[in-house]
Protein backbone atom coordinates (compact mmCIF):
# COMPACT_ATOMS: atom_id res chain seq x y z
CA UNK A 1 0.00 0.00 0.00
CA UNK A 2 1.19 3.47 -0.64
CA UNK A 3 1.72 6.09 2.04
CA UNK A 4 -1.30 8.18 1.06
CA UNK A 5 -3.66 5.22 1.45
CA UNK A 6 -2.18 4.37 4.85
CA UNK A 7 -2.55 7.97 6.01
CA UNK A 8 -6.17 7.98 4.81
CA UNK A 9 -6.95 4.76 6.67
CA UNK A 10 -5.27 6.07 9.83
CA UNK A 11 -7.27 9.31 9.80
CA UNK A 12 -10.51 7.52 8.96
CA UNK A 13 -10.08 5.05 11.82
CA UNK A 14 -9.07 7.79 14.25
CA UNK A 15 -12.25 9.78 13.59
CA UNK A 16 -14.60 6.81 13.36
CA UNK A 17 -13.92 5.69 16.93
CA UNK A 18 -17.14 6.18 18.87
CA UNK A 19 -15.95 5.18 22.34
CA UNK A 20 -17.08 7.78 24.83
CA UNK A 21 -18.69 9.88 22.13
CA UNK A 22 -22.10 9.81 23.82
CA UNK A 23 -20.71 10.94 27.17
CA UNK A 24 -18.72 13.71 25.51
CA UNK A 25 -21.86 14.96 23.78
CA UNK A 26 -23.78 14.96 27.05
CA UNK A 27 -20.94 16.87 28.66
CA UNK A 28 -21.00 19.49 25.92
CA UNK A 29 -24.78 19.86 26.19
CA UNK A 30 -24.53 20.20 29.97
CA UNK A 31 -21.83 22.85 29.63
CA UNK A 32 -23.93 24.77 27.09
CA UNK A 33 -27.01 24.69 29.33
CA UNK A 34 -24.93 25.86 32.30
CA UNK A 35 -23.48 28.76 30.30
CA UNK A 36 -26.94 29.78 29.09
CA UNK A 37 -28.33 29.64 32.62
CA UNK A 38 -25.45 31.73 33.99
CA UNK A 39 -25.85 34.24 31.18
CA UNK A 40 -29.59 34.52 31.71
CA UNK A 41 -29.26 34.95 35.46
CA UNK A 42 -26.54 37.56 34.99
CA UNK A 43 -28.57 39.51 32.43
CA UNK A 44 -31.83 39.32 34.38
CA UNK A 45 -30.39 39.37 37.89
CA UNK A 46 -31.71 42.77 38.92
CA UNK A 47 -35.12 42.17 37.41
CA UNK A 48 -35.42 38.78 39.09
CA UNK A 49 -34.54 40.34 42.42
CA UNK A 50 -37.31 42.91 41.96
CA UNK A 51 -39.82 40.22 41.00
CA UNK A 52 -39.00 38.11 44.04
CA UNK A 53 -39.16 41.16 46.30
CA UNK A 54 -42.61 42.04 44.93
CA UNK A 55 -43.76 38.46 45.57
CA UNK A 56 -42.34 38.57 49.10
CA UNK A 57 -44.04 41.91 49.79
CA UNK A 58 -47.37 40.62 48.46
CA UNK A 59 -47.24 37.39 50.44
CA UNK A 60 -46.00 39.15 53.56
CA UNK A 61 -48.72 41.80 53.34
CA UNK A 62 -51.59 39.32 52.90
CA UNK A 63 -51.39 37.98 56.45
CA UNK A 64 -50.44 34.51 55.26
CA UNK A 65 -47.46 34.38 57.56
CA UNK A 66 -49.19 35.38 60.80
CA UNK A 67 -48.81 31.91 62.32
CA UNK A 68 -52.47 31.55 63.19
CA UNK A 69 -53.58 27.94 63.24
CA UNK A 70 -57.23 28.71 62.68
CA UNK A 71 -58.29 26.03 65.06
PDB file of N, CA and C in Angstrom:
ATOM      1  N   UNK A   1       0.840  -1.192   0.000  1.00  0.00           N
ATOM      2  CA  UNK A   1       0.000   0.000   0.000  1.00  0.00           C
ATOM      3  C   UNK A   1       0.876   1.243   0.000  1.00  0.00           C
ATOM      4  N   UNK A   2       0.381   2.245  -0.620  1.00  0.00           N
ATOM      5  CA  UNK A   2       1.188   3.465  -0.637  1.00  0.00           C
ATOM      6  C   UNK A   2       0.935   4.300   0.615  1.00  0.00           C
ATOM      7  N   UNK A   3       1.749   5.281   0.815  1.00  0.00           N
ATOM      8  CA  UNK A   3       1.715   6.088   2.035  1.00  0.00           C
ATOM      9  C   UNK A   3       0.427   6.890   2.152  1.00  0.00           C
ATOM     10  N   UNK A   4      -0.079   7.384   1.037  1.00  0.00           N
ATOM     11  CA  UNK A   4      -1.300   8.180   1.059  1.00  0.00           C
ATOM     12  C   UNK A   4      -2.485   7.335   1.518  1.00  0.00           C
ATOM     13  N   UNK A   5      -2.567   6.105   1.043  1.00  0.00           N
ATOM     14  CA  UNK A   5      -3.655   5.217   1.449  1.00  0.00           C
ATOM     15  C   UNK A   5      -3.559   4.880   2.933  1.00  0.00           C
ATOM     16  N   UNK A   6      -2.356   4.654   3.429  1.00  0.00           N
ATOM     17  CA  UNK A   6      -2.175   4.366   4.850  1.00  0.00           C
ATOM     18  C   UNK A   6      -2.564   5.563   5.711  1.00  0.00           C
ATOM     19  N   UNK A   7      -2.194   6.762   5.268  1.00  0.00           N
ATOM     20  CA  UNK A   7      -2.553   7.972   6.006  1.00  0.00           C
ATOM     21  C   UNK A   7      -4.068   8.143   6.027  1.00  0.00           C
ATOM     22  N   UNK A   8      -4.709   7.877   4.889  1.00  0.00           N
ATOM     23  CA  UNK A   8      -6.171   7.982   4.810  1.00  0.00           C
ATOM     24  C   UNK A   8      -6.825   7.001   5.773  1.00  0.00           C
ATOM     25  N   UNK A   9      -6.375   5.773   5.787  1.00  0.00           N
ATOM     26  CA  UNK A   9      -6.950   4.765   6.674  1.00  0.00           C
ATOM     27  C   UNK A   9      -6.729   5.132   8.141  1.00  0.00           C
ATOM     28  N   UNK A  10      -5.562   5.661   8.465  1.00  0.00           N
ATOM     29  CA  UNK A  10      -5.270   6.065   9.832  1.00  0.00           C
ATOM     30  C   UNK A  10      -6.217   7.178  10.294  1.00  0.00           C
ATOM     31  N   UNK A  11      -6.395   8.183   9.452  1.00  0.00           N
ATOM     32  CA  UNK A  11      -7.268   9.308   9.799  1.00  0.00           C
ATOM     33  C   UNK A  11      -8.714   8.836   9.888  1.00  0.00           C
ATOM     34  N   UNK A  12      -9.130   8.007   8.961  1.00  0.00           N
ATOM     35  CA  UNK A  12     -10.509   7.517   8.963  1.00  0.00           C
ATOM     36  C   UNK A  12     -10.793   6.710  10.228  1.00  0.00           C
ATOM     37  N   UNK A  13      -9.890   5.858  10.623  1.00  0.00           N
ATOM     38  CA  UNK A  13     -10.077   5.055  11.820  1.00  0.00           C
ATOM     39  C   UNK A  13     -10.020   5.904  13.087  1.00  0.00           C
ATOM     40  N   UNK A  14      -9.186   6.931  13.080  1.00  0.00           N
ATOM     41  CA  UNK A  14      -9.071   7.790  14.251  1.00  0.00           C
ATOM     42  C   UNK A  14     -10.367   8.561  14.499  1.00  0.00           C
ATOM     43  N   UNK A  15     -11.029   8.996  13.436  1.00  0.00           N
ATOM     44  CA  UNK A  15     -12.247   9.782  13.587  1.00  0.00           C
ATOM     45  C   UNK A  15     -13.500   8.932  13.650  1.00  0.00           C
ATOM     46  N   UNK A  16     -13.415   7.657  13.327  1.00  0.00           N
ATOM     47  CA  UNK A  16     -14.598   6.814  13.364  1.00  0.00           C
ATOM     48  C   UNK A  16     -14.764   6.116  14.706  1.00  0.00           C
ATOM     49  N   UNK A  17     -13.811   6.288  15.602  1.00  0.00           N
ATOM     50  CA  UNK A  17     -13.922   5.694  16.931  1.00  0.00           C
ATOM     51  C   UNK A  17     -15.038   6.382  17.694  1.00  0.00           C
ATOM     52  N   UNK A  18     -15.981   5.601  18.196  1.00  0.00           N
ATOM     53  CA  UNK A  18     -17.140   6.177  18.872  1.00  0.00           C
ATOM     54  C   UNK A  18     -17.132   5.909  20.375  1.00  0.00           C
ATOM     55  N   UNK A  19     -16.021   5.434  20.908  1.00  0.00           N
ATOM     56  CA  UNK A  19     -15.954   5.182  22.337  1.00  0.00           C
ATOM     57  C   UNK A  19     -16.024   6.493  23.094  1.00  0.00           C
ATOM     58  N   UNK A  20     -16.943   6.585  24.006  1.00  0.00           N
ATOM     59  CA  UNK A  20     -17.076   7.784  24.826  1.00  0.00           C
ATOM     60  C   UNK A  20     -17.705   8.958  24.109  1.00  0.00           C
ATOM     61  N   UNK A  21     -18.126   8.763  22.887  1.00  0.00           N
ATOM     62  CA  UNK A  21     -18.690   9.879  22.128  1.00  0.00           C
ATOM     63  C   UNK A  21     -19.988  10.356  22.760  1.00  0.00           C
ATOM     64  N   UNK A  22     -20.824   9.429  23.210  1.00  0.00           N
ATOM     65  CA  UNK A  22     -22.098   9.814  23.821  1.00  0.00           C
ATOM     66  C   UNK A  22     -21.905  10.625  25.078  1.00  0.00           C
ATOM     67  N   UNK A  23     -20.961  10.208  25.935  1.00  0.00           N
ATOM     68  CA  UNK A  23     -20.711  10.941  27.167  1.00  0.00           C
ATOM     69  C   UNK A  23     -20.123  12.325  26.880  1.00  0.00           C
ATOM     70  N   UNK A  24     -19.286  12.410  25.876  1.00  0.00           N
ATOM     71  CA  UNK A  24     -18.722  13.710  25.514  1.00  0.00           C
ATOM     72  C   UNK A  24     -19.818  14.653  25.025  1.00  0.00           C
ATOM     73  N   UNK A  25     -20.761  14.125  24.265  1.00  0.00           N
ATOM     74  CA  UNK A  25     -21.857  14.964  23.780  1.00  0.00           C
ATOM     75  C   UNK A  25     -22.731  15.433  24.939  1.00  0.00           C
ATOM     76  N   UNK A  26     -23.011  14.543  25.884  1.00  0.00           N
ATOM     77  CA  UNK A  26     -23.780  14.956  27.054  1.00  0.00           C
ATOM     78  C   UNK A  26     -23.030  16.015  27.847  1.00  0.00           C
ATOM     79  N   UNK A  27     -21.738  15.873  27.959  1.00  0.00           N
ATOM     80  CA  UNK A  27     -20.940  16.866  28.658  1.00  0.00           C
ATOM     81  C   UNK A  27     -20.993  18.225  27.981  1.00  0.00           C
ATOM     82  N   UNK A  28     -20.925  18.225  26.655  1.00  0.00           N
ATOM     83  CA  UNK A  28     -21.004  19.492  25.925  1.00  0.00           C
ATOM     84  C   UNK A  28     -22.375  20.136  26.070  1.00  0.00           C
ATOM     85  N   UNK A  29     -23.423  19.328  26.025  1.00  0.00           N
ATOM     86  CA  UNK A  29     -24.779  19.857  26.190  1.00  0.00           C
ATOM     87  C   UNK A  29     -24.939  20.432  27.592  1.00  0.00           C
ATOM     88  N   UNK A  30     -24.443  19.718  28.593  1.00  0.00           N
ATOM     89  CA  UNK A  30     -24.532  20.198  29.969  1.00  0.00           C
ATOM     90  C   UNK A  30     -23.782  21.513  30.140  1.00  0.00           C
ATOM     91  N   UNK A  31     -22.609  21.614  29.547  1.00  0.00           N
ATOM     92  CA  UNK A  31     -21.831  22.851  29.627  1.00  0.00           C
ATOM     93  C   UNK A  31     -22.569  24.005  28.942  1.00  0.00           C
ATOM     94  N   UNK A  32     -23.182  23.729  27.804  1.00  0.00           N
ATOM     95  CA  UNK A  32     -23.930  24.768  27.088  1.00  0.00           C
ATOM     96  C   UNK A  32     -25.120  25.240  27.911  1.00  0.00           C
ATOM     97  N   UNK A  33     -25.854  24.312  28.508  1.00  0.00           N
ATOM     98  CA  UNK A  33     -27.006  24.685  29.330  1.00  0.00           C
ATOM     99  C   UNK A  33     -26.546  25.505  30.540  1.00  0.00           C
ATOM    100  N   UNK A  34     -25.444  25.111  31.147  1.00  0.00           N
ATOM    101  CA  UNK A  34     -24.928  25.857  32.297  1.00  0.00           C
ATOM    102  C   UNK A  34     -24.534  27.276  31.898  1.00  0.00           C
ATOM    103  N   UNK A  35     -23.863  27.416  30.763  1.00  0.00           N
ATOM    104  CA  UNK A  35     -23.476  28.757  30.301  1.00  0.00           C
ATOM    105  C   UNK A  35     -24.696  29.615  29.993  1.00  0.00           C
ATOM    106  N   UNK A  36     -25.721  29.020  29.379  1.00  0.00           N
ATOM    107  CA  UNK A  36     -26.939  29.778  29.088  1.00  0.00           C
ATOM    108  C   UNK A  36     -27.641  30.196  30.374  1.00  0.00           C
ATOM    109  N   UNK A  37     -27.683  29.310  31.355  1.00  0.00           N
ATOM    110  CA  UNK A  37     -28.328  29.643  32.621  1.00  0.00           C
ATOM    111  C   UNK A  37     -27.568  30.762  33.332  1.00  0.00           C
ATOM    112  N   UNK A  38     -26.255  30.683  33.353  1.00  0.00           N
ATOM    113  CA  UNK A  38     -25.447  31.727  33.992  1.00  0.00           C
ATOM    114  C   UNK A  38     -25.635  33.054  33.268  1.00  0.00           C
ATOM    115  N   UNK A  39     -25.636  33.014  31.949  1.00  0.00           N
ATOM    116  CA  UNK A  39     -25.847  34.241  31.176  1.00  0.00           C
ATOM    117  C   UNK A  39     -27.213  34.854  31.424  1.00  0.00           C
ATOM    118  N   UNK A  40     -28.244  34.015  31.472  1.00  0.00           N
ATOM    119  CA  UNK A  40     -29.592  34.520  31.706  1.00  0.00           C
ATOM    120  C   UNK A  40     -29.725  35.112  33.101  1.00  0.00           C
ATOM    121  N   UNK A  41     -29.172  34.429  34.091  1.00  0.00           N
ATOM    122  CA  UNK A  41     -29.257  34.954  35.457  1.00  0.00           C
ATOM    123  C   UNK A  41     -28.457  36.234  35.618  1.00  0.00           C
ATOM    124  N   UNK A  42     -27.344  36.336  34.922  1.00  0.00           N
ATOM    125  CA  UNK A  42     -26.544  37.557  34.986  1.00  0.00           C
ATOM    126  C   UNK A  42     -27.283  38.717  34.323  1.00  0.00           C
ATOM    127  N   UNK A  43     -27.871  38.447  33.168  1.00  0.00           N
ATOM    128  CA  UNK A  43     -28.567  39.507  32.434  1.00  0.00           C
ATOM    129  C   UNK A  43     -29.846  39.945  33.137  1.00  0.00           C
ATOM    130  N   UNK A  44     -30.539  39.014  33.764  1.00  0.00           N
ATOM    131  CA  UNK A  44     -31.829  39.321  34.381  1.00  0.00           C
ATOM    132  C   UNK A  44     -31.752  39.406  35.893  1.00  0.00           C
ATOM    133  N   UNK A  45     -30.555  39.422  36.446  1.00  0.00           N
ATOM    134  CA  UNK A  45     -30.389  39.373  37.893  1.00  0.00           C
ATOM    135  C   UNK A  45     -31.155  40.439  38.642  1.00  0.00           C
ATOM    136  N   UNK A  46     -31.020  41.680  38.237  1.00  0.00           N
ATOM    137  CA  UNK A  46     -31.713  42.768  38.924  1.00  0.00           C
ATOM    138  C   UNK A  46     -33.219  42.665  38.794  1.00  0.00           C
ATOM    139  N   UNK A  47     -33.684  42.307  37.625  1.00  0.00           N
ATOM    140  CA  UNK A  47     -35.124  42.167  37.405  1.00  0.00           C
ATOM    141  C   UNK A  47     -35.697  41.013  38.217  1.00  0.00           C
ATOM    142  N   UNK A  48     -34.947  39.906  38.292  1.00  0.00           N
ATOM    143  CA  UNK A  48     -35.423  38.779  39.085  1.00  0.00           C
ATOM    144  C   UNK A  48     -35.494  39.137  40.559  1.00  0.00           C
ATOM    145  N   UNK A  49     -34.513  39.895  41.027  1.00  0.00           N
ATOM    146  CA  UNK A  49     -34.542  40.340  42.421  1.00  0.00           C
ATOM    147  C   UNK A  49     -35.768  41.185  42.712  1.00  0.00           C
ATOM    148  N   UNK A  50     -36.119  42.075  41.794  1.00  0.00           N
ATOM    149  CA  UNK A  50     -37.313  42.908  41.962  1.00  0.00           C
ATOM    150  C   UNK A  50     -38.583  42.068  41.963  1.00  0.00           C
ATOM    151  N   UNK A  51     -38.639  41.090  41.076  1.00  0.00           N
ATOM    152  CA  UNK A  51     -39.821  40.217  40.998  1.00  0.00           C
ATOM    153  C   UNK A  51     -39.996  39.447  42.297  1.00  0.00           C
ATOM    154  N   UNK A  52     -38.902  38.864  42.800  1.00  0.00           N
ATOM    155  CA  UNK A  52     -39.001  38.106  44.044  1.00  0.00           C
ATOM    156  C   UNK A  52     -39.335  39.009  45.226  1.00  0.00           C
ATOM    157  N   UNK A  53     -38.834  40.224  45.216  1.00  0.00           N
ATOM    158  CA  UNK A  53     -39.156  41.164  46.295  1.00  0.00           C
ATOM    159  C   UNK A  53     -40.629  41.530  46.257  1.00  0.00           C
ATOM    160  N   UNK A  54     -41.187  41.741  45.053  1.00  0.00           N
ATOM    161  CA  UNK A  54     -42.614  42.037  44.929  1.00  0.00           C
ATOM    162  C   UNK A  54     -43.454  40.870  45.426  1.00  0.00           C
ATOM    163  N   UNK A  55     -43.034  39.644  45.103  1.00  0.00           N
ATOM    164  CA  UNK A  55     -43.764  38.465  45.574  1.00  0.00           C
ATOM    165  C   UNK A  55     -43.693  38.388  47.097  1.00  0.00           C
ATOM    166  N   UNK A  56     -42.498  38.619  47.651  1.00  0.00           N
ATOM    167  CA  UNK A  56     -42.343  38.567  49.104  1.00  0.00           C
ATOM    168  C   UNK A  56     -43.186  39.639  49.787  1.00  0.00           C
ATOM    169  N   UNK A  57     -43.233  40.836  49.208  1.00  0.00           N
ATOM    170  CA  UNK A  57     -44.043  41.910  49.790  1.00  0.00           C
ATOM    171  C   UNK A  57     -45.529  41.557  49.726  1.00  0.00           C
ATOM    172  N   UNK A  58     -45.957  40.973  48.618  1.00  0.00           N
ATOM    173  CA  UNK A  58     -47.369  40.615  48.458  1.00  0.00           C
ATOM    174  C   UNK A  58     -47.768  39.516  49.435  1.00  0.00           C
ATOM    175  N   UNK A  59     -46.937  38.497  49.536  1.00  0.00           N
ATOM    176  CA  UNK A  59     -47.240  37.389  50.443  1.00  0.00           C
ATOM    177  C   UNK A  59     -47.150  37.849  51.884  1.00  0.00           C
ATOM    178  N   UNK A  60     -46.161  38.656  52.209  1.00  0.00           N
ATOM    179  CA  UNK A  60     -46.004  39.147  53.564  1.00  0.00           C
ATOM    180  C   UNK A  60     -47.122  40.079  53.968  1.00  0.00           C
ATOM    181  N   UNK A  61     -47.657  40.843  53.044  1.00  0.00           N
ATOM    182  CA  UNK A  61     -48.721  41.798  53.338  1.00  0.00           C
ATOM    183  C   UNK A  61     -50.105  41.184  53.383  1.00  0.00           C
ATOM    184  N   UNK A  62     -50.254  39.931  52.964  1.00  0.00           N
ATOM    185  CA  UNK A  62     -51.594  39.316  52.903  1.00  0.00           C
ATOM    186  C   UNK A  62     -51.964  38.659  54.205  1.00  0.00           C
ATOM    187  N   UNK A  63     -51.072  38.607  55.178  1.00  0.00           N
ATOM    188  CA  UNK A  63     -51.386  37.980  56.446  1.00  0.00           C
ATOM    189  C   UNK A  63     -51.204  36.468  56.402  1.00  0.00           C
ATOM    190  N   UNK A  64     -50.610  35.966  55.371  1.00  0.00           N
ATOM    191  CA  UNK A  64     -50.438  34.514  55.255  1.00  0.00           C
ATOM    192  C   UNK A  64     -49.407  33.997  56.228  1.00  0.00           C
ATOM    193  N   UNK A  65     -48.510  34.840  56.662  1.00  0.00           N
ATOM    194  CA  UNK A  65     -47.458  34.379  57.555  1.00  0.00           C
ATOM    195  C   UNK A  65     -47.684  34.766  59.005  1.00  0.00           C
ATOM    196  N   UNK A  66     -48.953  34.942  59.441  1.00  0.00           N
ATOM    197  CA  UNK A  66     -49.189  35.385  60.799  1.00  0.00           C
ATOM    198  C   UNK A  66     -49.113  34.261  61.825  1.00  0.00           C
ATOM    199  N   UNK A  67     -48.989  33.029  61.399  1.00  0.00           N
ATOM    200  CA  UNK A  67     -48.805  31.915  62.317  1.00  0.00           C
ATOM    201  C   UNK A  67     -50.082  31.437  62.961  1.00  0.00           C
ATOM    202  N   UNK A  68     -51.210  31.997  62.610  1.00  0.00           N
ATOM    203  CA  UNK A  68     -52.469  31.555  63.192  1.00  0.00           C
ATOM    204  C   UNK A  68     -52.858  30.186  62.696  1.00  0.00           C
ATOM    205  N   UNK A  69     -53.230  29.311  63.597  1.00  0.00           N
ATOM    206  CA  UNK A  69     -53.582  27.942  63.237  1.00  0.00           C
ATOM    207  C   UNK A  69     -55.013  27.814  62.758  1.00  0.00           C
ATOM    208  N   UNK A  70     -55.829  28.752  63.104  1.00  0.00           N
ATOM    209  CA  UNK A  70     -57.231  28.710  62.682  1.00  0.00           C
ATOM    210  C   UNK A  70     -58.003  27.588  63.341  1.00  0.00           C
ATOM    211  N   UNK A  71     -57.593  27.173  64.497  1.00  0.00           N
ATOM    212  CA  UNK A  71     -58.288  26.026  65.060  1.00  0.00           C
ATOM    213  C   UNK A  71     -58.673  26.251  66.403  1.00  0.00           C
TER     214      UNK A  71
END
